[in-house]
Amino acid sequence: MRLDAFVIRLVFLALPGILALKAYRKLRGRTRKEVWESFLEILLFSLSSYLVLGLFQTLCHIGRPPPMPTTQSPVEPYVIQSVFDPALPLDWFQIAYACLIALALASIASWLHKKKVVNRAGMFGKLSNRLSDEDVWEVFFDTPNIH
């Protein structure tokens, strides 16, 4: 497979992660991130959306089968297999469903960030004393007015 065709396939398959990252940052607020952290978030959102899609399709037996008969293992999703096999066409319906799932996952991740679930779990388990990662002014301005 040519390198440019492989990169184009990866971009289309990473589309759910890209959309989810944009929505997540818009909902959560912009913070300073390294480039590798953005790529990691895109990868995690993409893989988790395809994983949820695969679980949903397995549990509900919905969706259409892959366009071509494959020797796909029951564990490996068709989308992941289509990245490395240029003979398999991309399934645009799976990509579209994964984009919708990724937007829902971004909303959930934003809510978890807003409620500081990870920090509270760390405090509950006596693993950390951190309240949040924001500075004092962000915490001050984000708290509701108490009269």
C-alpha atoms as a PDB file:
ATOM      1  CA  MET A   1       0.000   0.000   0.000  1.00  0.00           C
ATOM      2  CA  ARG A   2       1.309   3.442  -0.829  1.00  0.00           C
ATOM      3  CA  LEU A   3       2.102   5.675   2.110  1.00  0.00           C
ATOM      4  CA  ASP A   4      -0.250   8.492   1.047  1.00  0.00           C
ATOM      5  CA  ALA A   5      -3.218   6.101   0.738  1.00  0.00           C
ATOM      6  CA  PHE A   6      -2.409   4.680   4.170  1.00  0.00           C
ATOM      7  CA  VAL A   7      -2.301   8.184   5.702  1.00  0.00           C
ATOM      8  CA  ILE A   8      -5.623   9.129   4.079  1.00  0.00           C
ATOM      9  CA  ARG A   9      -7.217   5.951   5.495  1.00  0.00           C
ATOM     10  CA  LEU A  10      -5.840   6.766   8.940  1.00  0.00           C
ATOM     11  CA  VAL A  11      -7.215  10.312   8.802  1.00  0.00           C
ATOM     12  CA  PHE A  12     -10.691   9.081   7.898  1.00  0.00           C
ATOM     13  CA  LEU A  13     -10.564   6.448  10.624  1.00  0.00           C
ATOM     14  CA  ALA A  14      -9.305   9.019  13.144  1.00  0.00           C
ATOM     15  CA  LEU A  15     -12.158  11.390  12.266  1.00  0.00           C
ATOM     16  CA  PRO A  16     -14.242  10.402  15.348  1.00  0.00           C
ATOM     17  CA  GLY A  17     -11.300  11.189  17.604  1.00  0.00           C
ATOM     18  CA  ILE A  18     -10.656  14.525  15.912  1.00  0.00           C
ATOM     19  CA  LEU A  19     -14.301  15.580  16.244  1.00  0.00           C
ATOM     20  CA  ALA A  20     -14.453  14.382  19.841  1.00  0.00           C
ATOM     21  CA  LEU A  21     -11.277  16.262  20.760  1.00  0.00           C
ATOM     22  CA  LYS A  22     -12.648  19.482  19.260  1.00  0.00           C
ATOM     23  CA  ALA A  23     -15.931  19.081  21.153  1.00  0.00           C
ATOM     24  CA  TYR A  24     -14.172  18.081  24.374  1.00  0.00           C
ATOM     25  CA  ARG A  25     -11.877  21.094  24.296  1.00  0.00           C
ATOM     26  CA  LYS A  26     -14.780  23.401  23.498  1.00  0.00           C
ATOM     27  CA  LEU A  27     -16.826  22.042  26.414  1.00  0.00           C
ATOM     28  CA  ARG A  28     -13.961  21.738  28.882  1.00  0.00           C
ATOM     29  CA  GLY A  29     -12.091  24.893  27.970  1.00  0.00           C
ATOM     30  CA  ARG A  30      -8.723  25.291  26.363  1.00  0.00           C
ATOM     31  CA  THR A  31      -5.651  24.229  28.303  1.00  0.00           C
ATOM     32  CA  ARG A  32      -2.025  24.046  27.321  1.00  0.00           C
ATOM     33  CA  LYS A  33      -1.269  20.647  25.878  1.00  0.00           C
ATOM     34  CA  GLU A  34       1.721  19.160  24.182  1.00  0.00           C
ATOM     35  CA  VAL A  35       1.290  17.922  20.612  1.00  0.00           C
ATOM     36  CA  TRP A  36       1.780  14.298  21.625  1.00  0.00           C
ATOM     37  CA  GLU A  37      -1.005  14.666  24.217  1.00  0.00           C
ATOM     38  CA  SER A  38      -3.410  15.799  21.501  1.00  0.00           C
ATOM     39  CA  PHE A  39      -2.492  12.803  19.342  1.00  0.00           C
ATOM     40  CA  LEU A  40      -2.977  10.526  22.336  1.00  0.00           C
ATOM     41  CA  GLU A  41      -6.418  12.023  23.048  1.00  0.00           C
ATOM     42  CA  ILE A  42      -7.428  11.612  19.388  1.00  0.00           C
ATOM     43  CA  LEU A  43      -6.269   7.990  19.484  1.00  0.00           C
ATOM     44  CA  LEU A  44      -8.120   7.282  22.728  1.00  0.00           C
ATOM     45  CA  PHE A  45     -11.350   8.910  21.560  1.00  0.00           C
ATOM     46  CA  SER A  46     -11.177   7.082  18.209  1.00  0.00           C
ATOM     47  CA  LEU A  47     -10.444   3.666  19.683  1.00  0.00           C
ATOM     48  CA  SER A  48     -13.017   4.027  22.447  1.00  0.00           C
ATOM     49  CA  SER A  49     -15.722   5.115  19.990  1.00  0.00           C
ATOM     50  CA  TYR A  50     -15.016   2.147  17.712  1.00  0.00           C
ATOM     51  CA  LEU A  51     -14.952  -0.129  20.759  1.00  0.00           C
ATOM     52  CA  VAL A  52     -18.347   1.145  21.954  1.00  0.00           C
ATOM     53  CA  LEU A  53     -19.693   0.808  18.405  1.00  0.00           C
ATOM     54  CA  GLY A  54     -18.423  -2.765  18.191  1.00  0.00           C
ATOM     55  CA  LEU A  55     -19.932  -3.659  21.553  1.00  0.00           C
ATOM     56  CA  PHE A  56     -23.234  -2.040  20.613  1.00  0.00           C
ATOM     57  CA  GLN A  57     -23.362  -3.860  17.278  1.00  0.00           C
ATOM     58  CA  THR A  58     -22.471  -7.155  18.944  1.00  0.00           C
ATOM     59  CA  LEU A  59     -25.077  -6.790  21.667  1.00  0.00           C
ATOM     60  CA  CYS A  60     -27.892  -5.520  19.457  1.00  0.00           C
ATOM     61  CA  HIS A  61     -27.003  -7.355  16.232  1.00  0.00           C
ATOM     62  CA  ILE A  62     -27.557  -4.182  14.269  1.00  0.00           C
ATOM     63  CA  GLY A  63     -25.642  -2.575  11.490  1.00  0.00           C
ATOM     64  CA  ARG A  64     -24.763  -4.022   8.221  1.00  0.00           C
ATOM     65  CA  PRO A  65     -22.100  -6.666   7.698  1.00  0.00           C
ATOM     66  CA  PRO A  66     -18.752  -5.741   6.183  1.00  0.00           C
ATOM     67  CA  PRO A  67     -19.015  -5.004   2.451  1.00  0.00           C
ATOM     68  CA  MET A  68     -16.688  -7.865   1.532  1.00  0.00           C
ATOM     69  CA  PRO A  69     -16.341 -11.286   3.095  1.00  0.00           C
ATOM     70  CA  THR A  70     -13.270 -11.277   5.322  1.00  0.00           C
ATOM     71  CA  THR A  71     -11.310 -13.605   7.501  1.00  0.00           C
ATOM     72  CA  GLN A  72     -11.948 -11.254  10.381  1.00  0.00           C
ATOM     73  CA  SER A  73     -11.509 -12.572  13.861  1.00  0.00           C
ATOM     74  CA  PRO A  74     -14.476 -12.012  16.180  1.00  0.00           C
ATOM     75  CA  VAL A  75     -12.357  -9.783  18.413  1.00  0.00           C
ATOM     76  CA  GLU A  76     -10.856  -7.471  15.784  1.00  0.00           C
ATOM     77  CA  PRO A  77     -13.304  -4.844  14.465  1.00  0.00           C
ATOM     78  CA  TYR A  78     -13.723  -4.421  10.739  1.00  0.00           C
ATOM     79  CA  VAL A  79     -12.567  -0.809  10.936  1.00  0.00           C
ATOM     80  CA  ILE A  80      -9.233  -1.751  12.500  1.00  0.00           C
ATOM     81  CA  GLN A  81      -8.726  -4.489   9.939  1.00  0.00           C
ATOM     82  CA  SER A  82      -9.491  -2.079   7.086  1.00  0.00           C
ATOM     83  CA  VAL A  83      -6.614   0.182   8.150  1.00  0.00           C
ATOM     84  CA  PHE A  84      -3.998  -2.383   7.248  1.00  0.00           C
ATOM     85  CA  ASP A  85      -5.715  -4.165   4.360  1.00  0.00           C
ATOM     86  CA  PRO A  86      -6.023  -1.867   1.324  1.00  0.00           C
ATOM     87  CA  ALA A  87      -8.333  -4.370  -0.391  1.00  0.00           C
ATOM     88  CA  LEU A  88     -11.048  -3.696   2.201  1.00  0.00           C
ATOM     89  CA  PRO A  89     -13.066  -0.553   1.579  1.00  0.00           C
ATOM     90  CA  LEU A  90     -13.817   1.840   4.405  1.00  0.00           C
ATOM     91  CA  ASP A  91     -17.235   1.380   5.947  1.00  0.00           C
ATOM     92  CA  TRP A  92     -18.618   4.923   5.945  1.00  0.00           C
ATOM     93  CA  PHE A  93     -21.618   3.983   8.087  1.00  0.00           C
ATOM     94  CA  GLN A  94     -19.369   2.685  10.849  1.00  0.00           C
ATOM     95  CA  ILE A  95     -17.282   5.847  10.673  1.00  0.00           C
ATOM     96  CA  ALA A  96     -20.435   8.016  10.875  1.00  0.00           C
ATOM     97  CA  TYR A  97     -21.805   6.033  13.839  1.00  0.00           C
ATOM     98  CA  ALA A  98     -18.399   6.201  15.528  1.00  0.00           C
ATOM     99  CA  CYS A  99     -18.407   9.999  15.086  1.00  0.00           C
ATOM    100  CA  LEU A 100     -21.753  10.240  16.880  1.00  0.00           C
ATOM    101  CA  ILE A 101     -20.537   7.952  19.650  1.00  0.00           C
ATOM    102  CA  ALA A 102     -17.316   9.965  19.941  1.00  0.00           C
ATOM    103  CA  LEU A 103     -19.296  13.180  20.430  1.00  0.00           C
ATOM    104  CA  ALA A 104     -21.269  11.490  23.208  1.00  0.00           C
ATOM    105  CA  LEU A 105     -18.022  10.260  24.786  1.00  0.00           C
ATOM    106  CA  ALA A 106     -16.600  13.794  24.597  1.00  0.00           C
ATOM    107  CA  SER A 107     -19.668  15.096  26.439  1.00  0.00           C
ATOM    108  CA  ILE A 108     -19.272  12.434  29.121  1.00  0.00           C
ATOM    109  CA  ALA A 109     -15.542  13.166  29.455  1.00  0.00           C
ATOM    110  CA  SER A 110     -16.284  16.880  29.771  1.00  0.00           C
ATOM    111  CA  TRP A 111     -18.845  16.200  32.504  1.00  0.00           C
ATOM    112  CA  LEU A 112     -16.350  13.966  34.345  1.00  0.00           C
ATOM    113  CA  HIS A 113     -13.766  16.744  34.119  1.00  0.00           C
ATOM    114  CA  LYS A 114     -16.230  19.355  35.363  1.00  0.00           C
ATOM    115  CA  LYS A 115     -17.236  17.227  38.342  1.00  0.00           C
ATOM    116  CA  LYS A 116     -13.570  16.366  39.022  1.00  0.00           C
ATOM    117  CA  VAL A 117     -14.408  12.675  39.288  1.00  0.00           C
ATOM    118  CA  VAL A 118     -10.807  11.485  38.909  1.00  0.00           C
ATOM    119  CA  ASN A 119      -9.506  13.845  41.594  1.00  0.00           C
ATOM    120  CA  ARG A 120     -12.355  12.994  43.964  1.00  0.00           C
ATOM    121  CA  ALA A 121     -11.758   9.281  43.456  1.00  0.00           C
ATOM    122  CA  GLY A 122      -8.092   9.833  44.284  1.00  0.00           C
ATOM    123  CA  MET A 123      -9.017  11.768  47.410  1.00  0.00           C
ATOM    124  CA  PHE A 124     -11.588   9.125  48.391  1.00  0.00           C
ATOM    125  CA  GLY A 125      -9.024   6.361  48.042  1.00  0.00           C
ATOM    126  CA  LYS A 126      -6.464   8.482  49.915  1.00  0.00           C
ATOM    127  CA  LEU A 127      -4.195   8.424  46.870  1.00  0.00           C
ATOM    128  CA  SER A 128      -4.006  12.193  46.409  1.00  0.00           C
ATOM    129  CA  ASN A 129      -4.742  15.503  48.112  1.00  0.00           C
ATOM    130  CA  ARG A 130      -5.194  17.448  44.864  1.00  0.00           C
ATOM    131  CA  LEU A 131      -8.440  19.297  44.399  1.00  0.00           C
ATOM    132  CA  SER A 132      -7.939  19.949  40.692  1.00  0.00           C
ATOM    133  CA  ASP A 133      -5.354  20.834  38.085  1.00  0.00           C
ATOM    134  CA  GLU A 134      -6.568  24.389  37.544  1.00  0.00           C
ATOM    135  CA  ASP A 135      -5.068  27.384  39.219  1.00  0.00           C
ATOM    136  CA  VAL A 136      -6.706  29.118  42.170  1.00  0.00           C
ATOM    137  CA  TRP A 137      -8.424  31.797  40.073  1.00  0.00           C
ATOM    138  CA  GLU A 138     -10.163  29.273  37.815  1.00  0.00           C
ATOM    139  CA  VAL A 139     -11.484  27.417  40.851  1.00  0.00           C
ATOM    140  CA  PHE A 140     -12.572  30.715  42.428  1.00  0.00           C
ATOM    141  CA  PHE A 141     -14.416  31.977  39.346  1.00  0.00           C
ATOM    142  CA  ASP A 142     -16.016  28.602  38.596  1.00  0.00           C
ATOM    143  CA  THR A 143     -17.568  28.193  42.043  1.00  0.00           C
ATOM    144  CA  PRO A 144     -21.205  29.259  42.334  1.00  0.00           C
ATOM    145  CA  ASN A 145     -22.011  32.430  44.259  1.00  0.00           C
ATOM    146  CA  ILE A 146     -22.613  31.621  47.889  1.00  0.00           C
ATOM    147  CA  HIS A 147     -24.497  34.355  49.761  1.00  0.00           C
END
